[in-house]
Amino acid sequence: MISWLIYIIVFLILCFVLSLGTRALSRGIDAKNSNKSNIKSKALNNTNKNLSKNLTKEIIKLKKLHEKGILSSKEFQAAKKKILS
């Protein structure tokens, strides 16, 4: 009779430990997926910032060339249009 009680208690403890392990595993997987999505969004934002900085630099270079008279107004507008599209 006492041995059955001990078996039941051990079984309940085992079930409790397994449930804690499953919860921890699911939280870990959720955290990993969340981190991946955060990293992707940050990388995308950095790429967009770098692209806009590069576009700005290119347009400034074109403007300087236009102001110096190296590029005509048509050439400047065509090059700017090409960069922005």
N, C-alpha and C. Protein backbone atom coordinates (compact mmCIF):
# COMPACT_ATOMS: atom_id res chain seq x y z
N MET A 1 0.81 -1.19 0.00
CA MET A 1 0.00 0.00 0.00
C MET A 1 0.86 1.26 0.00
N ILE A 2 1.89 1.32 0.84
CA ILE A 2 2.77 2.48 0.90
C ILE A 2 3.58 2.59 -0.39
N SER A 3 3.97 1.45 -0.95
CA SER A 3 4.74 1.49 -2.19
C SER A 3 3.90 2.10 -3.33
N TRP A 4 2.59 1.79 -3.39
CA TRP A 4 1.73 2.39 -4.41
C TRP A 4 1.63 3.89 -4.22
N LEU A 5 1.57 4.34 -3.02
CA LEU A 5 1.50 5.77 -2.73
C LEU A 5 2.79 6.46 -3.19
N ILE A 6 3.92 5.81 -2.95
CA ILE A 6 5.21 6.36 -3.39
C ILE A 6 5.26 6.41 -4.91
N TYR A 7 4.80 5.36 -5.60
CA TYR A 7 4.78 5.35 -7.06
C TYR A 7 3.91 6.48 -7.62
N ILE A 8 2.78 6.70 -7.02
CA ILE A 8 1.88 7.75 -7.48
C ILE A 8 2.52 9.13 -7.27
N ILE A 9 3.15 9.33 -6.14
CA ILE A 9 3.82 10.61 -5.87
C ILE A 9 4.96 10.84 -6.85
N VAL A 10 5.75 9.81 -7.11
CA VAL A 10 6.86 9.92 -8.06
C VAL A 10 6.31 10.22 -9.46
N PHE A 11 5.23 9.55 -9.83
CA PHE A 11 4.62 9.78 -11.13
C PHE A 11 4.12 11.22 -11.26
N LEU A 12 3.51 11.74 -10.23
CA LEU A 12 3.02 13.12 -10.26
C LEU A 12 4.17 14.12 -10.35
N ILE A 13 5.24 13.84 -9.63
CA ILE A 13 6.42 14.71 -9.70
C ILE A 13 7.01 14.68 -11.11
N LEU A 14 7.07 13.49 -11.71
CA LEU A 14 7.58 13.35 -13.07
C LEU A 14 6.72 14.13 -14.06
N CYS A 15 5.42 14.04 -13.92
CA CYS A 15 4.50 14.79 -14.79
C CYS A 15 4.70 16.30 -14.63
N PHE A 16 4.88 16.74 -13.42
CA PHE A 16 5.10 18.16 -13.16
C PHE A 16 6.41 18.63 -13.81
N VAL A 17 7.47 17.86 -13.66
CA VAL A 17 8.76 18.22 -14.26
C VAL A 17 8.67 18.24 -15.78
N LEU A 18 7.98 17.28 -16.35
CA LEU A 18 7.81 17.26 -17.81
C LEU A 18 7.00 18.46 -18.29
N SER A 19 5.98 18.85 -17.56
CA SER A 19 5.20 20.02 -17.97
C SER A 19 6.04 21.29 -17.88
N LEU A 20 6.87 21.41 -16.86
CA LEU A 20 7.77 22.58 -16.77
C LEU A 20 8.75 22.60 -17.94
N GLY A 21 9.28 21.44 -18.28
CA GLY A 21 10.22 21.35 -19.40
C GLY A 21 9.57 21.73 -20.72
N THR A 22 8.34 21.30 -20.93
CA THR A 22 7.63 21.64 -22.17
C THR A 22 7.36 23.13 -22.25
N ARG A 23 6.94 23.71 -21.15
CA ARG A 23 6.70 25.16 -21.14
C ARG A 23 7.99 25.93 -21.44
N ALA A 24 9.07 25.50 -20.81
CA ALA A 24 10.35 26.18 -21.04
C ALA A 24 10.79 26.04 -22.50
N LEU A 25 10.60 24.89 -23.07
CA LEU A 25 10.97 24.66 -24.46
C LEU A 25 10.14 25.53 -25.40
N SER A 26 8.84 25.60 -25.16
CA SER A 26 7.99 26.43 -26.03
C SER A 26 8.33 27.91 -25.89
N ARG A 27 8.64 28.36 -24.67
CA ARG A 27 9.04 29.76 -24.48
C ARG A 27 10.35 30.05 -25.19
N GLY A 28 11.27 29.10 -25.15
CA GLY A 28 12.55 29.28 -25.83
C GLY A 28 12.37 29.38 -27.33
N ILE A 29 11.52 28.54 -27.88
CA ILE A 29 11.27 28.58 -29.32
C ILE A 29 10.59 29.89 -29.71
N ASP A 30 9.63 30.34 -28.92
CA ASP A 30 8.97 31.63 -29.18
C ASP A 30 9.97 32.79 -29.13
N ALA A 31 10.85 32.75 -28.14
CA ALA A 31 11.85 33.82 -28.02
C ALA A 31 12.80 33.81 -29.20
N LYS A 32 13.19 32.65 -29.65
CA LYS A 32 14.10 32.54 -30.79
C LYS A 32 13.43 33.10 -32.05
N ASN A 33 12.18 32.74 -32.27
CA ASN A 33 11.46 33.25 -33.44
C ASN A 33 11.27 34.76 -33.35
N SER A 34 11.02 35.25 -32.17
CA SER A 34 10.86 36.68 -31.98
C SER A 34 12.17 37.42 -32.27
N ASN A 35 13.27 36.86 -31.80
CA ASN A 35 14.58 37.47 -32.06
C ASN A 35 14.90 37.47 -33.55
N LYS A 36 14.55 36.40 -34.25
CA LYS A 36 14.80 36.35 -35.69
C LYS A 36 14.04 37.44 -36.40
N SER A 37 12.77 37.62 -36.04
CA SER A 37 11.97 38.65 -36.71
C SER A 37 12.49 40.05 -36.37
N ASN A 38 12.95 40.25 -35.12
CA ASN A 38 13.52 41.55 -34.75
C ASN A 38 14.79 41.82 -35.52
N ILE A 39 15.62 40.81 -35.67
CA ILE A 39 16.89 40.98 -36.39
C ILE A 39 16.61 41.31 -37.86
N LYS A 40 15.63 40.61 -38.44
CA LYS A 40 15.29 40.87 -39.84
C LYS A 40 14.78 42.28 -40.02
N SER A 41 13.92 42.74 -39.12
CA SER A 41 13.37 44.09 -39.27
C SER A 41 14.45 45.15 -39.06
N LYS A 42 15.37 44.91 -38.13
CA LYS A 42 16.47 45.86 -37.93
C LYS A 42 17.37 45.90 -39.14
N ALA A 43 17.66 44.74 -39.72
CA ALA A 43 18.51 44.69 -40.91
C ALA A 43 17.83 45.41 -42.07
N LEU A 44 16.53 45.24 -42.20
CA LEU A 44 15.78 45.91 -43.26
C LEU A 44 15.80 47.42 -43.05
N ASN A 45 15.64 47.87 -41.82
CA ASN A 45 15.68 49.31 -41.54
C ASN A 45 17.05 49.89 -41.84
N ASN A 46 18.11 49.16 -41.45
CA ASN A 46 19.47 49.64 -41.73
C ASN A 46 19.72 49.71 -43.22
N THR A 47 19.22 48.73 -43.97
CA THR A 47 19.40 48.73 -45.41
C THR A 47 18.69 49.93 -46.02
N ASN A 48 17.47 50.21 -45.56
CA ASN A 48 16.73 51.36 -46.08
C ASN A 48 17.45 52.66 -45.77
N LYS A 49 18.01 52.78 -44.56
CA LYS A 49 18.74 53.99 -44.20
C LYS A 49 19.97 54.16 -45.07
N ASN A 50 20.70 53.05 -45.29
CA ASN A 50 21.90 53.11 -46.11
C ASN A 50 21.56 53.48 -47.55
N LEU A 51 20.46 52.93 -48.07
CA LEU A 51 20.05 53.26 -49.43
C LEU A 51 19.69 54.73 -49.55
N SER A 52 18.97 55.25 -48.58
CA SER A 52 18.58 56.66 -48.65
C SER A 52 19.80 57.57 -48.53
N LYS A 53 20.78 57.18 -47.71
CA LYS A 53 22.01 57.97 -47.60
C LYS A 53 22.77 57.94 -48.92
N ASN A 54 22.84 56.76 -49.56
CA ASN A 54 23.54 56.65 -50.84
C ASN A 54 22.83 57.46 -51.92
N LEU A 55 21.50 57.41 -51.93
CA LEU A 55 20.75 58.19 -52.91
C LEU A 55 20.99 59.68 -52.71
N THR A 56 20.99 60.11 -51.48
CA THR A 56 21.22 61.52 -51.19
C THR A 56 22.61 61.93 -51.66
N LYS A 57 23.60 61.12 -51.40
CA LYS A 57 24.97 61.44 -51.83
C LYS A 57 25.06 61.53 -53.35
N GLU A 58 24.41 60.59 -54.03
CA GLU A 58 24.45 60.60 -55.49
C GLU A 58 23.77 61.84 -56.06
N ILE A 59 22.64 62.22 -55.49
CA ILE A 59 21.94 63.41 -55.98
C ILE A 59 22.76 64.67 -55.71
N ILE A 60 23.41 64.72 -54.56
CA ILE A 60 24.27 65.87 -54.25
C ILE A 60 25.42 65.96 -55.25
N LYS A 61 26.01 64.81 -55.59
CA LYS A 61 27.09 64.79 -56.59
C LYS A 61 26.58 65.30 -57.93
N LEU A 62 25.40 64.84 -58.32
CA LEU A 62 24.82 65.29 -59.59
C LEU A 62 24.55 66.79 -59.56
N LYS A 63 24.06 67.28 -58.42
CA LYS A 63 23.78 68.71 -58.32
C LYS A 63 25.06 69.53 -58.46
N LYS A 64 26.12 69.06 -57.84
CA LYS A 64 27.41 69.77 -57.95
C LYS A 64 27.90 69.78 -59.39
N LEU A 65 27.74 68.64 -60.07
CA LEU A 65 28.14 68.60 -61.48
C LEU A 65 27.28 69.54 -62.32
N HIS A 66 26.00 69.63 -62.00
CA HIS A 66 25.11 70.53 -62.72
C HIS A 66 25.48 71.99 -62.45
N GLU A 67 25.79 72.31 -61.20
CA GLU A 67 26.17 73.68 -60.85
C GLU A 67 27.48 74.09 -61.50
N LYS A 68 28.39 73.15 -61.68
CA LYS A 68 29.67 73.44 -62.32
C LYS A 68 29.53 73.57 -63.83
N GLY A 69 28.39 73.11 -64.35
CA GLY A 69 28.16 73.22 -65.79
C GLY A 69 28.57 71.98 -66.55
N ILE A 70 28.97 70.95 -65.85
CA ILE A 70 29.38 69.72 -66.51
C ILE A 70 28.16 68.99 -67.06
N LEU A 71 27.05 69.05 -66.33
CA LEU A 71 25.80 68.42 -66.77
C LEU A 71 24.80 69.50 -67.17
N SER A 72 24.09 69.25 -68.26
CA SER A 72 23.01 70.17 -68.64
C SER A 72 21.79 69.86 -67.77
N SER A 73 20.79 70.72 -67.87
CA SER A 73 19.57 70.51 -67.07
C SER A 73 18.87 69.22 -67.45
N LYS A 74 18.85 68.90 -68.75
CA LYS A 74 18.22 67.67 -69.20
C LYS A 74 18.97 66.45 -68.66
N GLU A 75 20.29 66.51 -68.75
CA GLU A 75 21.10 65.38 -68.26
C GLU A 75 20.93 65.22 -66.75
N PHE A 76 20.89 66.35 -66.04
CA PHE A 76 20.71 66.30 -64.60
C PHE A 76 19.36 65.68 -64.23
N GLN A 77 18.30 66.12 -64.90
CA GLN A 77 16.97 65.58 -64.61
C GLN A 77 16.88 64.09 -64.96
N ALA A 78 17.51 63.71 -66.08
CA ALA A 78 17.47 62.29 -66.50
C ALA A 78 18.24 61.41 -65.50
N ALA A 79 19.41 61.89 -65.07
CA ALA A 79 20.20 61.12 -64.12
C ALA A 79 19.50 61.04 -62.76
N LYS A 80 18.89 62.12 -62.31
CA LYS A 80 18.17 62.12 -61.05
C LYS A 80 16.98 61.17 -61.11
N LYS A 81 16.28 61.20 -62.23
CA LYS A 81 15.14 60.30 -62.42
C LYS A 81 15.60 58.84 -62.39
N LYS A 82 16.73 58.58 -63.02
CA LYS A 82 17.27 57.21 -63.06
C LYS A 82 17.65 56.74 -61.66
N ILE A 83 18.25 57.60 -60.87
CA ILE A 83 18.67 57.24 -59.51
C ILE A 83 17.44 56.98 -58.64
N LEU A 84 16.44 57.82 -58.76
CA LEU A 84 15.28 57.70 -57.88
C LEU A 84 14.34 56.55 -58.27
N SER A 85 14.46 56.05 -59.48
CA SER A 85 13.57 54.95 -59.86
C SER A 85 14.18 53.59 -59.64
